Amino acid sequence: MPNLPITVRSSMGLDRSKCISCNMCVMVCPNSVIKLTSEKDENNKKVLKSYHMDVGRCLFCGMCAEVCPTKALTVTQEFENSVFEPDGLQWDMIQRAERKGKVG
């Protein structure tokens, strides 16, 4: 990976195990990029079921990561995100995390 400036924002990362499904990221996003679903477990605690981002609309402003109370969502420097079809910009963040070995 090239030595990028620390301020580069080019991708998003999710740690599912930290997400409390509070919807703060959804509410703060200026472009309505994030859609998540959750359900309550046997202890009546919210559990994340799905987390999708339309990164074709994302400004990578970082407001979603900044507002996250558990730091489950982060802005990363991963920059190889080009795709041939627009559907490739619809990211299932849970699947992306699992592919990278960050199972939560």
Protein backbone atom coordinates (compact mmCIF):
# COMPACT_ATOMS: atom_id res chain seq x y z
CA MET A 1 0.00 0.00 0.00
CA PRO A 2 1.36 3.43 -0.86
CA ASN A 3 2.21 5.91 1.88
CA LEU A 4 -0.94 8.07 1.87
CA PRO A 5 -1.47 11.27 3.86
CA ILE A 6 -3.27 10.60 7.14
CA THR A 7 -6.23 12.75 6.02
CA VAL A 8 -7.11 10.53 3.01
CA ARG A 9 -10.68 9.26 3.22
CA SER A 10 -11.48 6.72 0.55
CA SER A 11 -13.47 3.87 2.06
CA MET A 12 -15.54 2.78 5.05
CA GLY A 13 -15.11 -0.03 7.54
CA LEU A 14 -17.59 -1.62 9.94
CA ASP A 15 -16.94 -3.68 13.07
CA ARG A 16 -20.26 -5.48 13.46
CA SER A 17 -19.47 -6.59 17.01
CA LYS A 18 -19.30 -2.95 18.15
CA CYS A 19 -22.47 -1.74 16.39
CA ILE A 20 -25.40 -1.13 18.75
CA SER A 21 -27.87 -0.25 15.92
CA CYS A 22 -28.49 3.22 17.33
CA ASN A 23 -29.10 4.69 13.84
CA MET A 24 -27.00 7.77 14.58
CA CYS A 25 -24.97 7.20 11.39
CA VAL A 26 -28.16 6.91 9.36
CA MET A 27 -29.57 10.14 10.76
CA VAL A 28 -26.42 12.24 10.36
CA CYS A 29 -25.61 11.22 6.75
CA PRO A 30 -26.29 14.20 4.43
CA ASN A 31 -26.88 11.96 1.39
CA SER A 32 -28.89 9.11 2.96
CA VAL A 33 -26.16 6.61 2.09
CA ILE A 34 -26.68 4.21 5.01
CA LYS A 35 -29.51 1.74 5.55
CA LEU A 36 -29.43 -0.66 8.46
CA THR A 37 -31.83 -3.12 10.04
CA SER A 38 -31.80 -4.67 13.48
CA GLU A 39 -33.87 -6.89 15.70
CA LYS A 40 -34.07 -7.52 19.41
CA ASP A 41 -32.43 -10.58 20.87
CA GLU A 42 -33.61 -12.72 23.81
CA ASN A 43 -32.30 -10.06 26.22
CA ASN A 44 -34.33 -7.34 24.47
CA LYS A 45 -31.08 -5.83 23.13
CA LYS A 46 -30.83 -4.53 19.55
CA VAL A 47 -28.69 -6.69 17.27
CA LEU A 48 -27.51 -5.58 13.82
CA LYS A 49 -29.04 -7.64 10.99
CA SER A 50 -27.97 -5.73 7.87
CA TYR A 51 -25.85 -2.68 7.06
CA HIS A 52 -25.82 -1.34 3.51
CA MET A 53 -24.12 1.71 2.03
CA ASP A 54 -24.64 3.28 -1.39
CA VAL A 55 -21.06 4.52 -1.74
CA GLY A 56 -21.83 6.02 -5.14
CA ARG A 57 -23.63 8.73 -3.15
CA CYS A 58 -21.10 8.90 -0.31
CA LEU A 59 -19.08 12.10 0.17
CA PHE A 60 -16.66 10.33 2.55
CA CYS A 61 -17.17 13.28 4.87
CA GLY A 62 -16.75 11.03 7.91
CA MET A 63 -19.74 12.41 9.80
CA CYS A 64 -21.16 8.90 10.25
CA ALA A 65 -17.94 7.63 11.80
CA GLU A 66 -17.58 10.74 13.94
CA VAL A 67 -21.06 10.37 15.46
CA CYS A 68 -20.76 6.61 16.11
CA PRO A 69 -20.73 6.21 19.93
CA THR A 70 -18.95 2.82 19.83
CA LYS A 71 -16.57 3.55 16.92
CA ALA A 72 -18.06 0.61 14.99
CA LEU A 73 -17.92 2.61 11.74
CA THR A 74 -14.60 4.00 10.55
CA VAL A 75 -13.25 5.90 7.57
CA THR A 76 -10.37 3.93 6.04
CA GLN A 77 -7.65 4.55 3.50
CA GLU A 78 -8.55 1.56 1.33
CA PHE A 79 -8.62 3.13 -2.10
CA GLU A 80 -9.04 0.31 -4.63
CA ASN A 81 -12.82 0.55 -4.93
CA SER A 82 -13.38 0.99 -8.66
CA VAL A 83 -16.16 -1.07 -10.26
CA PHE A 84 -17.48 -1.59 -13.78
CA GLU A 85 -21.19 -1.56 -12.92
CA PRO A 86 -23.09 0.87 -10.66
CA ASP A 87 -24.46 -2.08 -8.65
CA GLY A 88 -20.92 -2.57 -7.36
CA LEU A 89 -21.34 0.64 -5.37
CA GLN A 90 -24.04 -0.96 -3.20
CA TRP A 91 -21.95 -2.29 -0.33
CA ASP A 92 -23.09 -4.88 2.17
CA MET A 93 -20.80 -3.79 4.98
CA ILE A 94 -21.22 -7.00 6.96
CA GLN A 95 -20.08 -9.12 4.01
CA ARG A 96 -17.16 -6.77 3.31
CA ALA A 97 -15.98 -7.08 6.92
CA GLU A 98 -16.25 -10.88 6.80
CA ARG A 99 -14.21 -11.02 3.58
CA LYS A 100 -11.49 -8.97 5.23
CA GLY A 101 -11.43 -11.33 8.21
CA LYS A 102 -13.07 -8.92 10.64
CA VAL A 103 -15.94 -11.14 11.64
CA GLY A 104 -18.09 -9.62 14.36
